[in-house]
C-alpha cells in the first residue's frame, strides 16, 4: 500500500506573489486549537488551474493570495492564547484594481470559509454575497472564487442532481413494462 506524501508546506517562495498593498481591517475573529493552527500554518500551494488561492504563513501572519495574479487579498494575524490561537487582526485589500471587495460582513464570511474549507478541509457552506441571489449563477460564482473545493451547498446540489438522474433512469427503464 502506497503512503501519500503530505502536501508541501507553503512559503512565500512557493508561488509567484506580490507583497500586500493597501489594506484595511475587517472584524474577523476566530479561535483555533493547536492542531488546527498547525494545519493552518502549512498553507496551500495550488496544484492545478482550479486552485484559486495561494496561502502561506509567516511569523504569525497568514497571507492569502489569488493564485492566478499573485495579489494579496487577505492578511490574518494570529496571537497565541493559553491552549488555542486567536485571530487578533484581519485585513482585506483596498486596491480596487486588484480585488473588488464586497460588504464587510461578506469579506469576514469569505475569510472564515477559506480557512475552514481550503486549509482545514472542513465541508462548510460557501458564503454567497447578497447580490448573487438575483443572478442565479451560484455554481459559477463559487467556482470563480474557490475553485473545485468541496462545500456543503455543492454537495447538496450534487445529491439533488444524482436523485433527479436516478428518477429519470428508473422511469426510462420501467417505461413500457
N, C-alpha and C. Protein backbone atom coordinates (compact mmCIF):
# COMPACT_ATOMS: atom_id res chain seq x y z
N UNK A 1 0.84 -1.18 0.00
CA UNK A 1 0.00 0.00 0.00
C UNK A 1 0.89 1.24 0.00
N UNK A 2 0.61 2.14 -0.93
CA UNK A 2 1.41 3.36 -1.06
C UNK A 2 0.96 4.40 -0.06
N UNK A 3 1.91 5.02 0.60
CA UNK A 3 1.58 6.11 1.51
C UNK A 3 1.58 7.41 0.73
N UNK A 4 0.59 8.25 1.00
CA UNK A 4 0.56 9.53 0.31
C UNK A 4 1.51 10.49 1.02
N UNK A 5 2.17 11.31 0.24
CA UNK A 5 3.09 12.28 0.82
C UNK A 5 2.29 13.49 1.26
N UNK A 6 2.64 14.07 2.40
CA UNK A 6 1.90 15.25 2.85
C UNK A 6 2.15 16.40 1.88
N UNK A 7 1.16 17.30 1.77
CA UNK A 7 1.34 18.43 0.87
C UNK A 7 2.50 19.31 1.31
N UNK A 8 3.06 19.98 0.34
CA UNK A 8 4.17 20.90 0.59
C UNK A 8 3.75 21.99 1.58
N UNK A 9 4.66 22.35 2.46
CA UNK A 9 4.40 23.49 3.35
C UNK A 9 4.66 24.75 2.54
N UNK A 10 3.67 25.60 2.47
CA UNK A 10 3.76 26.80 1.65
C UNK A 10 4.63 27.85 2.33
N UNK A 11 5.49 28.45 1.54
CA UNK A 11 6.28 29.60 1.98
C UNK A 11 6.08 30.70 0.94
N UNK A 12 6.54 31.87 1.23
CA UNK A 12 6.40 32.98 0.29
C UNK A 12 7.05 32.64 -1.05
N UNK A 13 8.05 31.81 -1.04
CA UNK A 13 8.77 31.45 -2.27
C UNK A 13 8.12 30.30 -3.04
N UNK A 14 7.05 29.72 -2.51
CA UNK A 14 6.41 28.58 -3.15
C UNK A 14 5.61 28.96 -4.40
N UNK A 15 5.30 30.23 -4.57
CA UNK A 15 4.44 30.67 -5.67
C UNK A 15 4.74 32.12 -5.97
N UNK A 16 4.51 32.52 -7.18
CA UNK A 16 4.71 33.92 -7.54
C UNK A 16 3.63 34.75 -6.88
N UNK A 17 4.05 35.68 -6.03
CA UNK A 17 3.07 36.53 -5.35
C UNK A 17 3.67 37.90 -5.08
N UNK A 18 2.78 38.86 -4.89
CA UNK A 18 3.16 40.23 -4.64
C UNK A 18 2.98 40.55 -3.16
N UNK A 19 3.77 41.49 -2.64
CA UNK A 19 3.55 41.92 -1.25
C UNK A 19 2.17 42.56 -1.12
N UNK A 20 1.60 42.53 0.08
CA UNK A 20 0.30 43.17 0.26
C UNK A 20 0.35 44.65 -0.07
N UNK A 21 -0.68 45.11 -0.72
CA UNK A 21 -0.82 46.54 -1.00
C UNK A 21 -1.61 47.18 0.13
N UNK A 22 -2.28 48.29 -0.16
CA UNK A 22 -3.08 48.94 0.89
C UNK A 22 -4.20 48.02 1.36
N UNK A 23 -4.37 47.96 2.68
CA UNK A 23 -5.39 47.08 3.27
C UNK A 23 -6.10 47.83 4.38
N UNK A 24 -7.30 47.38 4.70
CA UNK A 24 -8.00 47.93 5.85
C UNK A 24 -8.53 46.79 6.71
N UNK A 25 -8.67 47.04 8.00
CA UNK A 25 -9.10 45.97 8.90
C UNK A 25 -10.54 45.55 8.66
N UNK A 26 -10.80 44.27 8.91
CA UNK A 26 -12.17 43.74 8.92
C UNK A 26 -12.36 43.04 10.27
N UNK A 27 -13.58 42.97 10.76
CA UNK A 27 -13.81 42.44 12.11
C UNK A 27 -13.91 40.91 12.18
N UNK A 28 -12.96 40.23 11.58
CA UNK A 28 -12.95 38.76 11.65
C UNK A 28 -12.23 38.33 12.91
N UNK A 29 -12.90 37.53 13.72
CA UNK A 29 -12.31 36.98 14.93
C UNK A 29 -12.64 35.50 14.98
N UNK A 30 -11.68 34.69 15.38
CA UNK A 30 -11.90 33.25 15.50
C UNK A 30 -10.84 32.67 16.42
N UNK A 31 -11.14 31.51 16.95
CA UNK A 31 -10.20 30.75 17.77
C UNK A 31 -9.97 29.41 17.11
N UNK A 32 -8.73 28.95 17.16
CA UNK A 32 -8.37 27.66 16.59
C UNK A 32 -7.56 26.88 17.61
N UNK A 33 -7.76 25.57 17.61
CA UNK A 33 -6.98 24.71 18.51
C UNK A 33 -5.54 24.67 18.02
N UNK A 34 -4.66 24.12 18.85
CA UNK A 34 -3.25 23.98 18.46
C UNK A 34 -3.13 23.11 17.21
N UNK A 35 -3.92 22.05 17.13
CA UNK A 35 -3.87 21.17 15.95
C UNK A 35 -4.36 21.90 14.70
N UNK A 36 -5.45 22.66 14.83
CA UNK A 36 -5.94 23.43 13.69
C UNK A 36 -4.92 24.47 13.26
N UNK A 37 -4.30 25.12 14.23
CA UNK A 37 -3.30 26.14 13.93
C UNK A 37 -2.12 25.54 13.18
N UNK A 38 -1.68 24.35 13.60
CA UNK A 38 -0.58 23.68 12.91
C UNK A 38 -0.95 23.39 11.46
N UNK A 39 -2.20 23.01 11.22
CA UNK A 39 -2.66 22.76 9.85
C UNK A 39 -2.72 24.06 9.06
N UNK A 40 -3.24 25.10 9.67
CA UNK A 40 -3.31 26.42 9.01
C UNK A 40 -1.91 26.89 8.61
N UNK A 41 -0.93 26.66 9.47
CA UNK A 41 0.44 27.10 9.19
C UNK A 41 1.04 26.43 7.96
N UNK A 42 0.52 25.28 7.56
CA UNK A 42 1.03 24.60 6.36
C UNK A 42 0.70 25.38 5.09
N UNK A 43 -0.38 26.18 5.14
CA UNK A 43 -0.76 26.96 3.98
C UNK A 43 -1.31 26.11 2.86
N UNK A 44 -1.28 26.65 1.65
CA UNK A 44 -1.82 25.96 0.48
C UNK A 44 -1.09 26.42 -0.77
N UNK A 45 -0.50 25.46 -1.47
CA UNK A 45 0.15 25.75 -2.75
C UNK A 45 -0.74 25.18 -3.85
N UNK A 46 -1.13 25.99 -4.83
CA UNK A 46 -2.00 25.49 -5.90
C UNK A 46 -1.35 24.33 -6.64
N UNK A 47 -2.17 23.36 -7.01
CA UNK A 47 -1.67 22.20 -7.75
C UNK A 47 -2.19 22.17 -9.17
N UNK A 48 -3.30 22.86 -9.43
CA UNK A 48 -3.89 22.88 -10.76
C UNK A 48 -4.60 24.21 -10.98
N UNK A 49 -5.05 24.46 -12.20
CA UNK A 49 -5.68 25.74 -12.53
C UNK A 49 -6.92 26.03 -11.69
N UNK A 50 -7.64 24.99 -11.28
CA UNK A 50 -8.86 25.18 -10.50
C UNK A 50 -8.57 25.63 -9.06
N UNK A 51 -7.33 25.56 -8.63
CA UNK A 51 -6.96 26.03 -7.29
C UNK A 51 -6.79 27.54 -7.37
N UNK A 52 -7.69 28.26 -6.75
CA UNK A 52 -7.77 29.71 -6.91
C UNK A 52 -6.95 30.50 -5.90
N UNK A 53 -6.41 29.83 -4.88
CA UNK A 53 -5.72 30.55 -3.82
C UNK A 53 -4.34 29.97 -3.55
N UNK A 54 -3.41 30.88 -3.24
CA UNK A 54 -2.09 30.53 -2.70
C UNK A 54 -2.07 31.15 -1.31
N UNK A 55 -1.84 30.32 -0.29
CA UNK A 55 -1.90 30.79 1.08
C UNK A 55 -0.64 30.34 1.81
N UNK A 56 0.02 31.27 2.47
CA UNK A 56 1.19 30.88 3.25
C UNK A 56 1.20 31.62 4.58
N UNK A 57 1.91 31.03 5.52
CA UNK A 57 2.00 31.55 6.89
C UNK A 57 3.44 32.02 7.10
N UNK A 58 3.60 33.17 7.75
CA UNK A 58 4.93 33.68 8.07
C UNK A 58 4.84 34.54 9.33
N UNK A 59 5.51 34.13 10.38
CA UNK A 59 5.60 34.89 11.64
C UNK A 59 4.22 35.29 12.19
N UNK A 60 3.40 34.33 12.42
CA UNK A 60 2.05 34.52 12.98
C UNK A 60 1.08 35.27 12.08
N UNK A 61 1.40 35.38 10.80
CA UNK A 61 0.51 36.05 9.84
C UNK A 61 0.23 35.09 8.70
N UNK A 62 -1.04 34.97 8.36
CA UNK A 62 -1.47 34.17 7.22
C UNK A 62 -1.73 35.12 6.05
N UNK A 63 -1.07 34.88 4.94
CA UNK A 63 -1.23 35.69 3.73
C UNK A 63 -2.04 34.89 2.73
N UNK A 64 -3.07 35.50 2.19
CA UNK A 64 -3.97 34.82 1.27
C UNK A 64 -3.97 35.55 -0.07
N UNK A 65 -3.39 34.90 -1.09
CA UNK A 65 -3.22 35.50 -2.42
C UNK A 65 -4.06 34.77 -3.45
N UNK A 66 -4.55 35.49 -4.43
CA UNK A 66 -5.19 34.84 -5.58
C UNK A 66 -4.07 34.16 -6.37
N UNK A 67 -4.28 32.92 -6.75
CA UNK A 67 -3.19 32.16 -7.37
C UNK A 67 -2.85 32.64 -8.77
N UNK A 68 -3.81 33.07 -9.55
CA UNK A 68 -3.52 33.46 -10.93
C UNK A 68 -2.78 34.78 -11.01
N UNK A 69 -3.11 35.72 -10.12
CA UNK A 69 -2.49 37.05 -10.20
C UNK A 69 -1.37 37.23 -9.19
N UNK A 70 -1.38 36.46 -8.10
CA UNK A 70 -0.41 36.63 -7.04
C UNK A 70 -0.71 37.79 -6.11
N UNK A 71 -1.85 38.45 -6.31
CA UNK A 71 -2.19 39.60 -5.47
C UNK A 71 -2.68 39.15 -4.10
N UNK A 72 -2.22 39.84 -3.07
CA UNK A 72 -2.63 39.54 -1.70
C UNK A 72 -4.00 40.17 -1.45
N UNK A 73 -4.95 39.33 -1.08
CA UNK A 73 -6.31 39.80 -0.82
C UNK A 73 -6.56 39.94 0.68
N UNK A 74 -6.07 38.96 1.46
CA UNK A 74 -6.29 38.98 2.91
C UNK A 74 -4.98 38.78 3.66
N UNK A 75 -4.94 39.36 4.84
CA UNK A 75 -3.84 39.14 5.78
C UNK A 75 -4.49 38.91 7.14
N UNK A 76 -4.15 37.78 7.78
CA UNK A 76 -4.77 37.41 9.05
C UNK A 76 -3.67 37.23 10.08
N UNK A 77 -3.76 37.96 11.18
CA UNK A 77 -2.74 37.95 12.22
C UNK A 77 -3.25 37.10 13.40
N UNK A 78 -2.43 36.14 13.82
CA UNK A 78 -2.79 35.24 14.92
C UNK A 78 -2.02 35.63 16.18
N UNK A 79 -2.61 35.26 17.31
CA UNK A 79 -1.97 35.50 18.60
C UNK A 79 -2.21 34.27 19.47
N UNK A 80 -1.14 33.79 20.10
CA UNK A 80 -1.25 32.61 20.97
C UNK A 80 -2.05 32.94 22.22
N UNK A 81 -2.92 32.02 22.61
CA UNK A 81 -3.66 32.10 23.86
C UNK A 81 -3.20 30.92 24.72
N UNK A 82 -3.88 30.63 25.80
CA UNK A 82 -3.46 29.53 26.68
C UNK A 82 -3.31 28.22 25.92
N UNK A 83 -4.40 27.72 25.39
CA UNK A 83 -4.35 26.44 24.69
C UNK A 83 -4.96 26.54 23.30
N UNK A 84 -4.99 27.75 22.76
CA UNK A 84 -5.57 27.97 21.45
C UNK A 84 -4.86 29.15 20.78
N UNK A 85 -5.31 29.44 19.58
CA UNK A 85 -4.76 30.57 18.82
C UNK A 85 -5.94 31.42 18.36
N UNK A 86 -5.79 32.71 18.55
CA UNK A 86 -6.86 33.64 18.24
C UNK A 86 -6.48 34.48 17.03
N UNK A 87 -7.48 34.75 16.18
CA UNK A 87 -7.28 35.73 15.13
C UNK A 87 -7.35 37.08 15.81
N UNK A 88 -6.21 37.75 15.84
CA UNK A 88 -6.09 39.02 16.54
C UNK A 88 -6.49 40.19 15.64
N UNK A 89 -6.11 40.11 14.36
CA UNK A 89 -6.44 41.15 13.38
C UNK A 89 -6.62 40.49 12.03
N UNK A 90 -7.45 41.09 11.19
CA UNK A 90 -7.61 40.62 9.81
C UNK A 90 -7.77 41.84 8.91
N UNK A 91 -7.25 41.71 7.70
CA UNK A 91 -7.26 42.83 6.76
C UNK A 91 -7.68 42.33 5.38
N UNK A 92 -8.28 43.23 4.60
CA UNK A 92 -8.66 42.96 3.23
C UNK A 92 -8.06 44.05 2.34
N UNK A 93 -7.73 43.68 1.13
CA UNK A 93 -7.16 44.63 0.18
C UNK A 93 -8.15 45.75 -0.13
N UNK A 94 -7.63 46.96 -0.24
CA UNK A 94 -8.46 48.10 -0.64
C UNK A 94 -8.14 48.56 -2.06
N UNK A 95 -7.21 47.87 -2.72
CA UNK A 95 -6.82 48.23 -4.08
C UNK A 95 -7.83 47.65 -5.06
N UNK A 96 -8.76 48.48 -5.52
CA UNK A 96 -9.84 48.01 -6.39
C UNK A 96 -9.35 47.54 -7.76
N UNK A 97 -8.12 47.88 -8.14
CA UNK A 97 -7.59 47.37 -9.40
C UNK A 97 -7.14 45.91 -9.25
N UNK A 98 -6.98 45.46 -8.00
CA UNK A 98 -6.52 44.09 -7.74
C UNK A 98 -7.62 43.18 -7.18
N UNK A 99 -8.58 43.77 -6.46
CA UNK A 99 -9.63 42.98 -5.82
C UNK A 99 -10.86 43.85 -5.64
N UNK A 100 -12.00 43.35 -6.09
CA UNK A 100 -13.26 44.05 -5.93
C UNK A 100 -13.95 43.53 -4.67
N UNK A 101 -13.92 44.34 -3.64
CA UNK A 101 -14.45 43.94 -2.34
C UNK A 101 -15.96 43.89 -2.31
N UNK A 102 -16.44 43.04 -1.41
CA UNK A 102 -17.86 43.01 -1.11
C UNK A 102 -18.09 43.75 0.20
N UNK A 103 -19.31 43.69 0.71
CA UNK A 103 -19.58 44.30 2.02
C UNK A 103 -18.69 43.65 3.10
N UNK A 104 -18.40 44.38 4.14
CA UNK A 104 -17.51 43.90 5.20
C UNK A 104 -17.97 42.56 5.75
N UNK A 105 -19.28 42.39 5.97
CA UNK A 105 -19.79 41.12 6.52
C UNK A 105 -19.47 39.96 5.58
N UNK A 106 -19.56 40.21 4.27
CA UNK A 106 -19.24 39.16 3.30
C UNK A 106 -17.75 38.82 3.36
N UNK A 107 -16.90 39.83 3.43
CA UNK A 107 -15.45 39.58 3.48
C UNK A 107 -15.09 38.75 4.71
N UNK A 108 -15.73 39.02 5.83
CA UNK A 108 -15.48 38.25 7.06
C UNK A 108 -15.88 36.79 6.83
N UNK A 109 -17.07 36.58 6.25
CA UNK A 109 -17.53 35.21 6.00
C UNK A 109 -16.64 34.49 5.00
N UNK A 110 -16.12 35.21 4.00
CA UNK A 110 -15.27 34.58 3.00
C UNK A 110 -13.93 34.17 3.60
N UNK A 111 -13.33 35.01 4.43
CA UNK A 111 -12.08 34.63 5.09
C UNK A 111 -12.29 33.37 5.93
N UNK A 112 -13.37 33.36 6.69
CA UNK A 112 -13.69 32.18 7.51
C UNK A 112 -13.83 30.94 6.63
N UNK A 113 -14.54 31.07 5.52
CA UNK A 113 -14.72 29.95 4.60
C UNK A 113 -13.38 29.46 4.06
N UNK A 114 -12.54 30.38 3.60
CA UNK A 114 -11.26 29.99 3.01
C UNK A 114 -10.39 29.22 4.02
N UNK A 115 -10.36 29.67 5.24
CA UNK A 115 -9.57 28.98 6.26
C UNK A 115 -10.18 27.62 6.55
N UNK A 116 -11.49 27.57 6.77
CA UNK A 116 -12.14 26.31 7.13
C UNK A 116 -12.14 25.31 5.97
N UNK A 117 -12.52 25.75 4.78
CA UNK A 117 -12.67 24.83 3.65
C UNK A 117 -11.34 24.47 2.99
N UNK A 118 -10.49 25.47 2.72
CA UNK A 118 -9.27 25.19 1.98
C UNK A 118 -8.14 24.67 2.87
N UNK A 119 -7.98 25.24 4.04
CA UNK A 119 -6.85 24.85 4.89
C UNK A 119 -7.20 23.71 5.85
N UNK A 120 -8.36 23.79 6.48
CA UNK A 120 -8.74 22.76 7.44
C UNK A 120 -9.57 21.64 6.80
N UNK A 121 -9.90 21.80 5.52
CA UNK A 121 -10.66 20.82 4.73
C UNK A 121 -11.98 20.43 5.37
N UNK A 122 -12.64 21.40 5.98
CA UNK A 122 -13.97 21.18 6.53
C UNK A 122 -15.00 21.39 5.41
N UNK A 123 -16.08 20.66 5.46
CA UNK A 123 -17.16 20.84 4.50
C UNK A 123 -18.14 21.85 5.10
N UNK A 124 -18.04 23.07 4.63
CA UNK A 124 -18.85 24.17 5.14
C UNK A 124 -19.57 24.85 3.97
N UNK A 125 -20.67 25.54 4.24
CA UNK A 125 -21.36 26.24 3.15
C UNK A 125 -20.52 27.38 2.59
N UNK A 126 -20.64 27.60 1.30
CA UNK A 126 -19.96 28.72 0.66
C UNK A 126 -20.72 30.00 0.96
N UNK A 127 -20.02 31.09 1.30
CA UNK A 127 -20.70 32.36 1.63
C UNK A 127 -20.99 33.18 0.38
N UNK A 128 -22.16 33.03 -0.17
CA UNK A 128 -22.52 33.83 -1.34
C UNK A 128 -22.78 35.27 -0.94
N UNK A 129 -22.34 36.22 -1.78
CA UNK A 129 -22.63 37.63 -1.48
C UNK A 129 -24.12 37.90 -1.70
N UNK A 130 -24.64 38.97 -1.13
CA UNK A 130 -26.08 39.25 -1.24
C UNK A 130 -26.58 39.36 -2.68
N UNK A 131 -25.80 39.93 -3.57
CA UNK A 131 -26.27 40.14 -4.94
C UNK A 131 -26.36 38.87 -5.76
N UNK A 132 -25.71 37.79 -5.37
CA UNK A 132 -25.72 36.56 -6.17
C UNK A 132 -27.11 35.93 -6.22
N UNK A 133 -27.95 36.17 -5.24
CA UNK A 133 -29.31 35.61 -5.23
C UNK A 133 -30.12 36.11 -6.42
N UNK A 134 -29.80 37.28 -6.90
CA UNK A 134 -30.54 37.85 -8.03
C UNK A 134 -30.10 37.24 -9.36
N UNK A 135 -28.85 36.81 -9.46
CA UNK A 135 -28.36 36.36 -10.75
C UNK A 135 -28.56 34.87 -10.98
N UNK A 136 -28.58 34.07 -9.93
CA UNK A 136 -28.81 32.64 -10.08
C UNK A 136 -27.60 31.83 -10.54
N UNK A 137 -26.43 32.43 -10.61
CA UNK A 137 -25.24 31.72 -11.08
C UNK A 137 -24.38 31.27 -9.90
N UNK A 138 -24.98 30.57 -8.96
CA UNK A 138 -24.28 30.16 -7.75
C UNK A 138 -23.05 29.30 -8.02
N UNK A 139 -23.21 28.27 -8.81
CA UNK A 139 -22.09 27.35 -9.08
C UNK A 139 -20.93 28.04 -9.77
N UNK A 140 -21.23 28.89 -10.74
CA UNK A 140 -20.17 29.60 -11.45
C UNK A 140 -19.43 30.55 -10.51
N UNK A 141 -20.17 31.26 -9.68
CA UNK A 141 -19.53 32.20 -8.77
C UNK A 141 -18.66 31.45 -7.75
N UNK A 142 -19.20 30.37 -7.19
CA UNK A 142 -18.44 29.58 -6.21
C UNK A 142 -17.14 29.07 -6.84
N UNK A 143 -17.21 28.59 -8.07
CA UNK A 143 -16.00 28.09 -8.75
C UNK A 143 -15.03 29.23 -9.02
N UNK A 144 -15.51 30.38 -9.43
CA UNK A 144 -14.65 31.53 -9.69
C UNK A 144 -13.87 31.93 -8.44
N UNK A 145 -14.54 31.92 -7.29
CA UNK A 145 -13.91 32.36 -6.05
C UNK A 145 -13.08 31.26 -5.40
N UNK A 146 -13.62 30.05 -5.35
CA UNK A 146 -12.98 29.00 -4.55
C UNK A 146 -12.47 27.80 -5.35
N UNK A 147 -12.81 27.67 -6.60
CA UNK A 147 -12.36 26.52 -7.37
C UNK A 147 -13.22 25.30 -7.09
N UNK A 148 -12.61 24.13 -7.17
CA UNK A 148 -13.34 22.87 -7.01
C UNK A 148 -13.39 22.38 -5.58
N UNK A 149 -13.44 23.27 -4.63
CA UNK A 149 -13.47 22.89 -3.22
C UNK A 149 -14.81 22.23 -2.88
N UNK A 150 -14.77 21.25 -1.97
CA UNK A 150 -16.00 20.61 -1.50
C UNK A 150 -16.68 21.53 -0.50
N UNK A 151 -17.91 21.89 -0.79
CA UNK A 151 -18.68 22.73 0.12
C UNK A 151 -20.00 22.03 0.42
N UNK A 152 -20.61 22.39 1.52
CA UNK A 152 -21.88 21.77 1.91
C UNK A 152 -22.95 22.04 0.85
N UNK A 153 -23.02 23.25 0.33
CA UNK A 153 -24.04 23.57 -0.67
C UNK A 153 -23.76 22.85 -1.99
N UNK A 154 -22.51 22.71 -2.38
CA UNK A 154 -22.18 21.99 -3.62
C UNK A 154 -22.54 20.51 -3.48
N UNK A 155 -22.25 19.93 -2.32
CA UNK A 155 -22.59 18.53 -2.11
C UNK A 155 -24.11 18.33 -2.16
N UNK A 156 -24.87 19.27 -1.61
CA UNK A 156 -26.33 19.18 -1.66
C UNK A 156 -26.82 19.27 -3.11
N UNK A 157 -26.21 20.18 -3.90
CA UNK A 157 -26.58 20.31 -5.31
C UNK A 157 -26.30 19.01 -6.05
N UNK A 158 -25.13 18.40 -5.80
CA UNK A 158 -24.76 17.15 -6.47
C UNK A 158 -25.69 16.02 -6.05
N UNK A 159 -26.07 15.97 -4.78
CA UNK A 159 -27.00 14.94 -4.32
C UNK A 159 -28.35 15.11 -5.00
N UNK A 160 -28.81 16.34 -5.14
CA UNK A 160 -30.07 16.61 -5.84
C UNK A 160 -29.99 16.20 -7.29
N UNK A 161 -28.87 16.48 -7.94
CA UNK A 161 -28.68 16.09 -9.34
C UNK A 161 -28.69 14.58 -9.47
N UNK A 162 -27.99 13.88 -8.60
CA UNK A 162 -27.98 12.41 -8.64
C UNK A 162 -29.37 11.84 -8.44
N UNK A 163 -30.14 12.43 -7.53
CA UNK A 163 -31.51 11.95 -7.30
C UNK A 163 -32.37 12.15 -8.54
N UNK A 164 -32.23 13.29 -9.22
CA UNK A 164 -33.00 13.54 -10.43
C UNK A 164 -32.61 12.57 -11.54
N UNK A 165 -31.32 12.33 -11.72
CA UNK A 165 -30.85 11.39 -12.74
C UNK A 165 -31.36 9.99 -12.43
N UNK A 166 -31.29 9.59 -11.16
CA UNK A 166 -31.78 8.27 -10.76
C UNK A 166 -33.27 8.12 -11.11
N UNK A 167 -34.08 9.13 -10.78
CA UNK A 167 -35.51 9.05 -11.07
C UNK A 167 -35.76 8.95 -12.57
N UNK A 168 -35.02 9.72 -13.36
CA UNK A 168 -35.19 9.67 -14.82
C UNK A 168 -34.80 8.31 -15.38
N UNK A 169 -33.68 7.78 -14.93
CA UNK A 169 -33.23 6.47 -15.41
C UNK A 169 -34.23 5.39 -15.00
N UNK A 170 -34.72 5.47 -13.78
CA UNK A 170 -35.70 4.48 -13.30
C UNK A 170 -36.97 4.55 -14.14
N UNK A 171 -37.44 5.77 -14.44
CA UNK A 171 -38.64 5.90 -15.30
C UNK A 171 -38.36 5.34 -16.69
N UNK A 172 -37.18 5.62 -17.21
CA UNK A 172 -36.84 5.14 -18.55
C UNK A 172 -36.77 3.61 -18.58
N UNK A 173 -36.18 3.02 -17.55
CA UNK A 173 -36.06 1.57 -17.51
C UNK A 173 -37.41 0.87 -17.30
N UNK A 174 -38.31 1.54 -16.59
CA UNK A 174 -39.61 0.91 -16.33
C UNK A 174 -40.65 1.31 -17.39
N UNK A 175 -40.32 2.18 -18.29
CA UNK A 175 -41.24 2.63 -19.33
C UNK A 175 -41.56 1.45 -20.25
N UNK A 176 -42.76 1.23 -20.46
CA UNK A 176 -43.18 0.15 -21.33
C UNK A 176 -43.25 -1.20 -20.64
N UNK A 177 -42.95 -1.28 -19.35
CA UNK A 177 -43.03 -2.58 -18.66
C UNK A 177 -44.44 -2.86 -18.25
